[in-house]
């Protein structure tokens, strides 16, 4: 339907809208706490790699890799060292 100036229009719905984009990730929340516990870290560098995770205070939480290749990945299960 293409109305022209002066045409009456009935039985039509008009409204304002805004296009939006949603983004995020889907993951299996096995313990039901709403947190994605496992993640994969990937890197590419010029030499050997060490991967150490620290908490917000700067304390070492977990060492995932001590002498890794220049390119690769490692999966972290979300847990600190015990």
PDB file of N, CA and C in Angstrom:
ATOM      1  N   UNK A   1       0.838  -1.171   0.000  1.00  0.00           N
ATOM      2  CA  UNK A   1       0.000   0.000   0.000  1.00  0.00           C
ATOM      3  C   UNK A   1       0.885   1.237   0.000  1.00  0.00           C
ATOM      4  N   UNK A   2       0.657   2.130  -0.914  1.00  0.00           N
ATOM      5  CA  UNK A   2       1.397   3.379  -0.980  1.00  0.00           C
ATOM      6  C   UNK A   2       0.398   4.535  -1.079  1.00  0.00           C
ATOM      7  N   UNK A   3       0.073   5.147   0.064  1.00  0.00           N
ATOM      8  CA  UNK A   3      -0.874   6.267   0.005  1.00  0.00           C
ATOM      9  C   UNK A   3      -0.226   7.506  -0.599  1.00  0.00           C
ATOM     10  N   UNK A   4      -1.050   8.345  -1.158  1.00  0.00           N
ATOM     11  CA  UNK A   4      -0.591   9.634  -1.674  1.00  0.00           C
ATOM     12  C   UNK A   4      -1.246  10.735  -0.869  1.00  0.00           C
ATOM     13  N   UNK A   5      -0.786  11.936  -1.036  1.00  0.00           N
ATOM     14  CA  UNK A   5      -1.288  13.073  -0.279  1.00  0.00           C
ATOM     15  C   UNK A   5      -2.802  13.176  -0.401  1.00  0.00           C
ATOM     16  N   UNK A   6      -3.483  13.285   0.744  1.00  0.00           N
ATOM     17  CA  UNK A   6      -4.928  13.416   0.763  1.00  0.00           C
ATOM     18  C   UNK A   6      -5.671  12.105   0.894  1.00  0.00           C
ATOM     19  N   UNK A   7      -4.998  10.945   0.740  1.00  0.00           N
ATOM     20  CA  UNK A   7      -5.656   9.650   0.878  1.00  0.00           C
ATOM     21  C   UNK A   7      -5.951   9.377   2.346  1.00  0.00           C
ATOM     22  N   UNK A   8      -7.083   8.772   2.610  1.00  0.00           N
ATOM     23  CA  UNK A   8      -7.395   8.309   3.950  1.00  0.00           C
ATOM     24  C   UNK A   8      -6.864   6.905   4.127  1.00  0.00           C
ATOM     25  N   UNK A   9      -6.330   6.600   5.285  1.00  0.00           N
ATOM     26  CA  UNK A   9      -5.780   5.267   5.550  1.00  0.00           C
ATOM     27  C   UNK A   9      -6.478   4.714   6.780  1.00  0.00           C
ATOM     28  N   UNK A  10      -7.068   3.523   6.648  1.00  0.00           N
ATOM     29  CA  UNK A  10      -7.746   2.885   7.771  1.00  0.00           C
ATOM     30  C   UNK A  10      -7.230   1.463   7.923  1.00  0.00           C
ATOM     31  N   UNK A  11      -7.467   0.918   9.099  1.00  0.00           N
ATOM     32  CA  UNK A  11      -7.117  -0.476   9.416  1.00  0.00           C
ATOM     33  C   UNK A  11      -5.630  -0.780   9.219  1.00  0.00           C
ATOM     34  N   UNK A  12      -4.774   0.167   9.501  1.00  0.00           N
ATOM     35  CA  UNK A  12      -3.331  -0.035   9.418  1.00  0.00           C
ATOM     36  C   UNK A  12      -2.715   0.325  10.762  1.00  0.00           C
ATOM     37  N   UNK A  13      -1.653  -0.335  11.122  1.00  0.00           N
ATOM     38  CA  UNK A  13      -0.945  -0.058  12.378  1.00  0.00           C
ATOM     39  C   UNK A  13       0.332   0.691  12.063  1.00  0.00           C
ATOM     40  N   UNK A  14       0.535   1.773  12.756  1.00  0.00           N
ATOM     41  CA  UNK A  14       1.742   2.572  12.607  1.00  0.00           C
ATOM     42  C   UNK A  14       2.387   2.699  13.974  1.00  0.00           C
ATOM     43  N   UNK A  15       3.667   2.804  14.026  1.00  0.00           N
ATOM     44  CA  UNK A  15       4.348   2.992  15.300  1.00  0.00           C
ATOM     45  C   UNK A  15       5.791   3.386  15.080  1.00  0.00           C
ATOM     46  N   UNK A  16       6.348   3.961  16.099  1.00  0.00           N
ATOM     47  CA  UNK A  16       7.774   4.294  16.073  1.00  0.00           C
ATOM     48  C   UNK A  16       8.538   3.112  16.650  1.00  0.00           C
ATOM     49  N   UNK A  17       9.705   2.844  16.105  1.00  0.00           N
ATOM     50  CA  UNK A  17      10.530   1.771  16.628  1.00  0.00           C
ATOM     51  C   UNK A  17      11.992   2.152  16.454  1.00  0.00           C
ATOM     52  N   UNK A  18      12.817   1.464  17.175  1.00  0.00           N
ATOM     53  CA  UNK A  18      14.260   1.671  17.096  1.00  0.00           C
ATOM     54  C   UNK A  18      14.909   0.318  16.900  1.00  0.00           C
ATOM     55  N   UNK A  19      15.802   0.214  15.923  1.00  0.00           N
ATOM     56  CA  UNK A  19      16.527  -1.025  15.711  1.00  0.00           C
ATOM     57  C   UNK A  19      17.550  -1.192  16.827  1.00  0.00           C
ATOM     58  N   UNK A  20      17.634  -2.376  17.376  1.00  0.00           N
ATOM     59  CA  UNK A  20      18.594  -2.660  18.441  1.00  0.00           C
ATOM     60  C   UNK A  20      19.362  -3.925  18.094  1.00  0.00           C
ATOM     61  N   UNK A  21      20.484  -4.095  18.731  1.00  0.00           N
ATOM     62  CA  UNK A  21      21.289  -5.297  18.568  1.00  0.00           C
ATOM     63  C   UNK A  21      21.528  -5.896  19.944  1.00  0.00           C
ATOM     64  N   UNK A  22      21.291  -7.166  20.076  1.00  0.00           N
ATOM     65  CA  UNK A  22      21.596  -7.886  21.303  1.00  0.00           C
ATOM     66  C   UNK A  22      22.811  -8.761  21.037  1.00  0.00           C
ATOM     67  N   UNK A  23      23.691  -8.840  22.007  1.00  0.00           N
ATOM     68  CA  UNK A  23      24.837  -9.725  21.854  1.00  0.00           C
ATOM     69  C   UNK A  23      25.144 -10.365  23.197  1.00  0.00           C
ATOM     70  N   UNK A  24      25.909 -11.391  23.161  1.00  0.00           N
ATOM     71  CA  UNK A  24      26.275 -12.098  24.381  1.00  0.00           C
ATOM     72  C   UNK A  24      26.780 -13.478  24.036  1.00  0.00           C
ATOM     73  N   UNK A  25      26.748 -14.351  25.007  1.00  0.00           N
ATOM     74  CA  UNK A  25      27.192 -15.710  24.762  1.00  0.00           C
ATOM     75  C   UNK A  25      26.243 -16.673  25.453  1.00  0.00           C
ATOM     76  N   UNK A  26      26.130 -17.824  24.877  1.00  0.00           N
ATOM     77  CA  UNK A  26      25.350 -18.899  25.460  1.00  0.00           C
ATOM     78  C   UNK A  26      26.332 -19.893  26.065  1.00  0.00           C
ATOM     79  N   UNK A  27      26.064 -20.320  27.299  1.00  0.00           N
ATOM     80  CA  UNK A  27      26.952 -21.291  27.920  1.00  0.00           C
ATOM     81  C   UNK A  27      26.162 -22.187  28.854  1.00  0.00           C
ATOM     82  N   UNK A  28      26.714 -23.346  29.117  1.00  0.00           N
ATOM     83  CA  UNK A  28      26.112 -24.302  30.038  1.00  0.00           C
ATOM     84  C   UNK A  28      26.510 -23.920  31.456  1.00  0.00           C
ATOM     85  N   UNK A  29      25.535 -23.550  32.273  1.00  0.00           N
ATOM     86  CA  UNK A  29      25.781 -23.152  33.662  1.00  0.00           C
ATOM     87  C   UNK A  29      25.563 -24.372  34.555  1.00  0.00           C
ATOM     88  N   UNK A  30      26.578 -25.223  34.602  1.00  0.00           N
ATOM     89  CA  UNK A  30      26.433 -26.510  35.276  1.00  0.00           C
ATOM     90  C   UNK A  30      26.165 -26.399  36.774  1.00  0.00           C
ATOM     91  N   UNK A  31      26.697 -25.366  37.441  1.00  0.00           N
ATOM     92  CA  UNK A  31      26.459 -25.239  38.879  1.00  0.00           C
ATOM     93  C   UNK A  31      25.361 -24.230  39.213  1.00  0.00           C
ATOM     94  N   UNK A  32      24.737 -23.617  38.185  1.00  0.00           N
ATOM     95  CA  UNK A  32      23.588 -22.743  38.386  1.00  0.00           C
ATOM     96  C   UNK A  32      23.862 -21.407  39.052  1.00  0.00           C
ATOM     97  N   UNK A  33      25.130 -20.950  39.029  1.00  0.00           N
ATOM     98  CA  UNK A  33      25.444 -19.681  39.695  1.00  0.00           C
ATOM     99  C   UNK A  33      25.430 -18.478  38.752  1.00  0.00           C
ATOM    100  N   UNK A  34      25.107 -18.690  37.466  1.00  0.00           N
ATOM    101  CA  UNK A  34      25.037 -17.584  36.513  1.00  0.00           C
ATOM    102  C   UNK A  34      26.386 -17.115  35.999  1.00  0.00           C
ATOM    103  N   UNK A  35      27.451 -17.841  36.299  1.00  0.00           N
ATOM    104  CA  UNK A  35      28.797 -17.455  35.900  1.00  0.00           C
ATOM    105  C   UNK A  35      29.347 -18.487  34.912  1.00  0.00           C
ATOM    106  N   UNK A  36      29.960 -18.002  33.820  1.00  0.00           N
ATOM    107  CA  UNK A  36      30.623 -18.908  32.871  1.00  0.00           C
ATOM    108  C   UNK A  36      31.964 -19.301  33.482  1.00  0.00           C
ATOM    109  N   UNK A  37      32.027 -20.506  34.008  1.00  0.00           N
ATOM    110  CA  UNK A  37      33.202 -20.939  34.757  1.00  0.00           C
ATOM    111  C   UNK A  37      34.384 -21.294  33.878  1.00  0.00           C
ATOM    112  N   UNK A  38      34.151 -21.828  32.695  1.00  0.00           N
ATOM    113  CA  UNK A  38      35.248 -22.270  31.832  1.00  0.00           C
ATOM    114  C   UNK A  38      35.456 -21.285  30.690  1.00  0.00           C
ATOM    115  N   UNK A  39      36.705 -20.988  30.391  1.00  0.00           N
ATOM    116  CA  UNK A  39      37.015 -20.128  29.253  1.00  0.00           C
ATOM    117  C   UNK A  39      38.318 -20.581  28.619  1.00  0.00           C
ATOM    118  N   UNK A  40      38.501 -20.263  27.358  1.00  0.00           N
ATOM    119  CA  UNK A  40      39.716 -20.624  26.651  1.00  0.00           C
ATOM    120  C   UNK A  40      40.511 -19.362  26.352  1.00  0.00           C
ATOM    121  N   UNK A  41      41.775 -19.375  26.703  1.00  0.00           N
ATOM    122  CA  UNK A  41      42.690 -18.269  26.445  1.00  0.00           C
ATOM    123  C   UNK A  41      43.585 -18.660  25.283  1.00  0.00           C
ATOM    124  N   UNK A  42      43.695 -17.769  24.303  1.00  0.00           N
ATOM    125  CA  UNK A  42      44.533 -18.052  23.131  1.00  0.00           C
ATOM    126  C   UNK A  42      45.567 -16.943  22.980  1.00  0.00           C
ATOM    127  N   UNK A  43      46.716 -17.275  22.386  1.00  0.00           N
ATOM    128  CA  UNK A  43      47.777 -16.282  22.229  1.00  0.00           C
ATOM    129  C   UNK A  43      48.590 -16.557  20.980  1.00  0.00           C
ATOM    130  N   UNK A  44      49.315 -15.523  20.598  1.00  0.00           N
ATOM    131  CA  UNK A  44      50.311 -15.612  19.527  1.00  0.00           C
ATOM    132  C   UNK A  44      51.414 -14.629  19.924  1.00  0.00           C
ATOM    133  N   UNK A  45      52.615 -15.099  20.065  1.00  0.00           N
ATOM    134  CA  UNK A  45      53.704 -14.224  20.516  1.00  0.00           C
ATOM    135  C   UNK A  45      54.994 -14.574  19.776  1.00  0.00           C
ATOM    136  N   UNK A  46      56.059 -13.874  20.116  1.00  0.00           N
ATOM    137  CA  UNK A  46      57.341 -14.109  19.478  1.00  0.00           C
ATOM    138  C   UNK A  46      58.209 -15.114  20.192  1.00  0.00           C
ATOM    139  N   UNK A  47      57.746 -15.642  21.316  1.00  0.00           N
ATOM    140  CA  UNK A  47      58.571 -16.590  22.062  1.00  0.00           C
ATOM    141  C   UNK A  47      57.729 -17.480  22.948  1.00  0.00           C
ATOM    142  N   UNK A  48      58.372 -18.131  23.899  1.00  0.00           N
ATOM    143  CA  UNK A  48      57.683 -19.022  24.827  1.00  0.00           C
ATOM    144  C   UNK A  48      56.721 -18.217  25.697  1.00  0.00           C
ATOM    145  N   UNK A  49      55.681 -18.865  26.232  1.00  0.00           N
ATOM    146  CA  UNK A  49      54.616 -18.169  26.944  1.00  0.00           C
ATOM    147  C   UNK A  49      54.355 -18.809  28.295  1.00  0.00           C
ATOM    148  N   UNK A  50      54.096 -17.974  29.295  1.00  0.00           N
ATOM    149  CA  UNK A  50      53.601 -18.422  30.599  1.00  0.00           C
ATOM    150  C   UNK A  50      52.238 -17.770  30.805  1.00  0.00           C
ATOM    151  N   UNK A  51      51.267 -18.539  31.296  1.00  0.00           N
ATOM    152  CA  UNK A  51      49.929 -18.008  31.540  1.00  0.00           C
ATOM    153  C   UNK A  51      49.631 -18.164  33.016  1.00  0.00           C
ATOM    154  N   UNK A  52      49.536 -17.029  33.709  1.00  0.00           N
ATOM    155  CA  UNK A  52      49.215 -17.003  35.132  1.00  0.00           C
ATOM    156  C   UNK A  52      48.027 -16.081  35.339  1.00  0.00           C
ATOM    157  N   UNK A  53      47.027 -16.540  36.077  1.00  0.00           N
ATOM    158  CA  UNK A  53      45.854 -15.727  36.375  1.00  0.00           C
ATOM    159  C   UNK A  53      45.986 -15.152  37.766  1.00  0.00           C
ATOM    160  N   UNK A  54      45.596 -13.885  37.906  1.00  0.00           N
ATOM    161  CA  UNK A  54      45.665 -13.205  39.199  1.00  0.00           C
ATOM    162  C   UNK A  54      44.286 -12.707  39.582  1.00  0.00           C
ATOM    163  N   UNK A  55      44.051 -12.576  40.898  1.00  0.00           N
ATOM    164  CA  UNK A  55      42.780 -12.017  41.341  1.00  0.00           C
ATOM    165  C   UNK A  55      42.846 -10.493  41.289  1.00  0.00           C
ATOM    166  N   UNK A  56      41.785  -9.823  41.692  1.00  0.00           N
ATOM    167  CA  UNK A  56      41.734  -8.358  41.595  1.00  0.00           C
ATOM    168  C   UNK A  56      42.735  -7.668  42.510  1.00  0.00           C
ATOM    169  N   UNK A  57      43.290  -8.396  43.482  1.00  0.00           N
ATOM    170  CA  UNK A  57      44.314  -7.829  44.357  1.00  0.00           C
ATOM    171  C   UNK A  57      45.721  -8.060  43.831  1.00  0.00           C
ATOM    172  N   UNK A  58      45.846  -8.750  42.691  1.00  0.00           N
ATOM    173  CA  UNK A  58      47.156  -9.029  42.118  1.00  0.00           C
ATOM    174  C   UNK A  58      47.792 -10.316  42.608  1.00  0.00           C
ATOM    175  N   UNK A  59      47.093 -11.052  43.458  1.00  0.00           N
ATOM    176  CA  UNK A  59      47.617 -12.326  43.959  1.00  0.00           C
ATOM    177  C   UNK A  59      47.411 -13.410  42.909  1.00  0.00           C
ATOM    178  N   UNK A  60      48.425 -14.278  42.761  1.00  0.00           N
ATOM    179  CA  UNK A  60      48.316 -15.377  41.800  1.00  0.00           C
ATOM    180  C   UNK A  60      47.177 -16.287  42.215  1.00  0.00           C
ATOM    181  N   UNK A  61      46.248 -16.523  41.294  1.00  0.00           N
ATOM    182  CA  UNK A  61      45.129 -17.416  41.558  1.00  0.00           C
ATOM    183  C   UNK A  61      45.378 -18.796  40.956  1.00  0.00           C
ATOM    184  N   UNK A  62      46.002 -18.811  39.783  1.00  0.00           N
ATOM    185  CA  UNK A  62      46.246 -20.091  39.117  1.00  0.00           C
ATOM    186  C   UNK A  62      47.286 -19.924  38.034  1.00  0.00           C
ATOM    187  N   UNK A  63      48.174 -20.888  37.911  1.00  0.00           N
ATOM    188  CA  UNK A  63      49.128 -20.946  36.804  1.00  0.00           C
ATOM    189  C   UNK A  63      48.621 -22.007  35.840  1.00  0.00           C
ATOM    190  N   UNK A  64      48.343 -21.593  34.601  1.00  0.00           N
ATOM    191  CA  UNK A  64      47.819 -22.520  33.605  1.00  0.00           C
ATOM    192  C   UNK A  64      48.907 -23.100  32.722  1.00  0.00           C
ATOM    193  N   UNK A  65      50.007 -22.347  32.561  1.00  0.00           N
ATOM    194  CA  UNK A  65      51.053 -22.772  31.647  1.00  0.00           C
ATOM    195  C   UNK A  65      52.352 -22.103  32.077  1.00  0.00           C
ATOM    196  N   UNK A  66      53.444 -22.855  32.137  1.00  0.00           N
ATOM    197  CA  UNK A  66      54.711 -22.263  32.545  1.00  0.00           C
ATOM    198  C   UNK A  66      55.702 -22.091  31.400  1.00  0.00           C
ATOM    199  N   UNK A  67      55.627 -22.913  30.365  1.00  0.00           N
ATOM    200  CA  UNK A  67      56.573 -22.815  29.256  1.00  0.00           C
ATOM    201  C   UNK A  67      55.900 -23.296  27.975  1.00  0.00           C
ATOM    202  N   UNK A  68      54.940 -22.501  27.502  1.00  0.00           N
ATOM    203  CA  UNK A  68      54.156 -22.906  26.352  1.00  0.00           C
ATOM    204  C   UNK A  68      54.747 -22.448  25.036  1.00  0.00           C
ATOM    205  N   UNK A  69      54.230 -22.964  23.945  1.00  0.00           N
ATOM    206  CA  UNK A  69      54.720 -22.594  22.616  1.00  0.00           C
ATOM    207  C   UNK A  69      54.332 -21.153  22.264  1.00  0.00           C
ATOM    208  N   UNK A  70      54.952 -20.584  21.240  1.00  0.00           N
ATOM    209  CA  UNK A  70      54.666 -19.205  20.843  1.00  0.00           C
ATOM    210  C   UNK A  70      53.223 -18.975  20.392  1.00  0.00           C
ATOM    211  N   UNK A  71      52.519 -20.025  20.000  1.00  0.00           N
ATOM    212  CA  UNK A  71      51.130 -19.879  19.591  1.00  0.00           C
ATOM    213  C   UNK A  71      50.338 -21.059  20.126  1.00  0.00           C
ATOM    214  N   UNK A  72      49.187 -20.795  20.710  1.00  0.00           N
ATOM    215  CA  UNK A  72      48.382 -21.893  21.226  1.00  0.00           C
ATOM    216  C   UNK A  72      47.213 -21.398  22.038  1.00  0.00           C
ATOM    217  N   UNK A  73      46.619 -22.301  22.804  1.00  0.00           N
ATOM    218  CA  UNK A  73      45.503 -21.957  23.668  1.00  0.00           C
ATOM    219  C   UNK A  73      45.481 -22.906  24.849  1.00  0.00           C
ATOM    220  N   UNK A  74      44.797 -22.487  25.895  1.00  0.00           N
ATOM    221  CA  UNK A  74      44.645 -23.297  27.095  1.00  0.00           C
ATOM    222  C   UNK A  74      43.262 -22.990  27.659  1.00  0.00           C
ATOM    223  N   UNK A  75      42.615 -24.001  28.217  1.00  0.00           N
ATOM    224  CA  UNK A  75      41.282 -23.823  28.797  1.00  0.00           C
ATOM    225  C   UNK A  75      41.388 -23.763  30.307  1.00  0.00           C
ATOM    226  N   UNK A  76      40.712 -22.783  30.879  1.00  0.00           N
ATOM    227  CA  UNK A  76      40.675 -22.608  32.346  1.00  0.00           C
ATOM    228  C   UNK A  76      39.294 -23.005  32.828  1.00  0.00           C
ATOM    229  N   UNK A  77      39.230 -23.816  33.863  1.00  0.00           N
ATOM    230  CA  UNK A  77      37.954 -24.313  34.373  1.00  0.00           C
ATOM    231  C   UNK A  77      37.280 -23.356  35.349  1.00  0.00           C
ATOM    232  N   UNK A  78      37.857 -22.185  35.584  1.00  0.00           N
ATOM    233  CA  UNK A  78      37.243 -21.192  36.457  1.00  0.00           C
ATOM    234  C   UNK A  78      37.620 -21.350  37.923  1.00  0.00           C
ATOM    235  N   UNK A  79      38.457 -22.305  38.237  1.00  0.00           N
ATOM    236  CA  UNK A  79      38.820 -22.539  39.644  1.00  0.00           C
ATOM    237  C   UNK A  79      40.230 -22.020  39.921  1.00  0.00           C
ATOM    238  N   UNK A  80      40.434 -21.619  41.158  1.00  0.00           N
ATOM    239  CA  UNK A  80      41.772 -21.231  41.607  1.00  0.00           C
ATOM    240  C   UNK A  80      42.558 -22.490  41.951  1.00  0.00           C
ATOM    241  N   UNK A  81      43.896 -22.353  42.123  1.00  0.00           N
ATOM    242  CA  UNK A  81      44.694 -23.478  42.606  1.00  0.00           C
ATOM    243  C   UNK A  81      44.205 -23.845  43.995  1.00  0.00           C
ATOM    244  N   UNK A  82      44.281 -25.108  44.308  1.00  0.00           N
ATOM    245  CA  UNK A  82      43.851 -25.553  45.650  1.00  0.00           C
ATOM    246  C   UNK A  82      45.022 -26.046  46.433  1.00  0.00           C
TER     247      UNK A  82
END
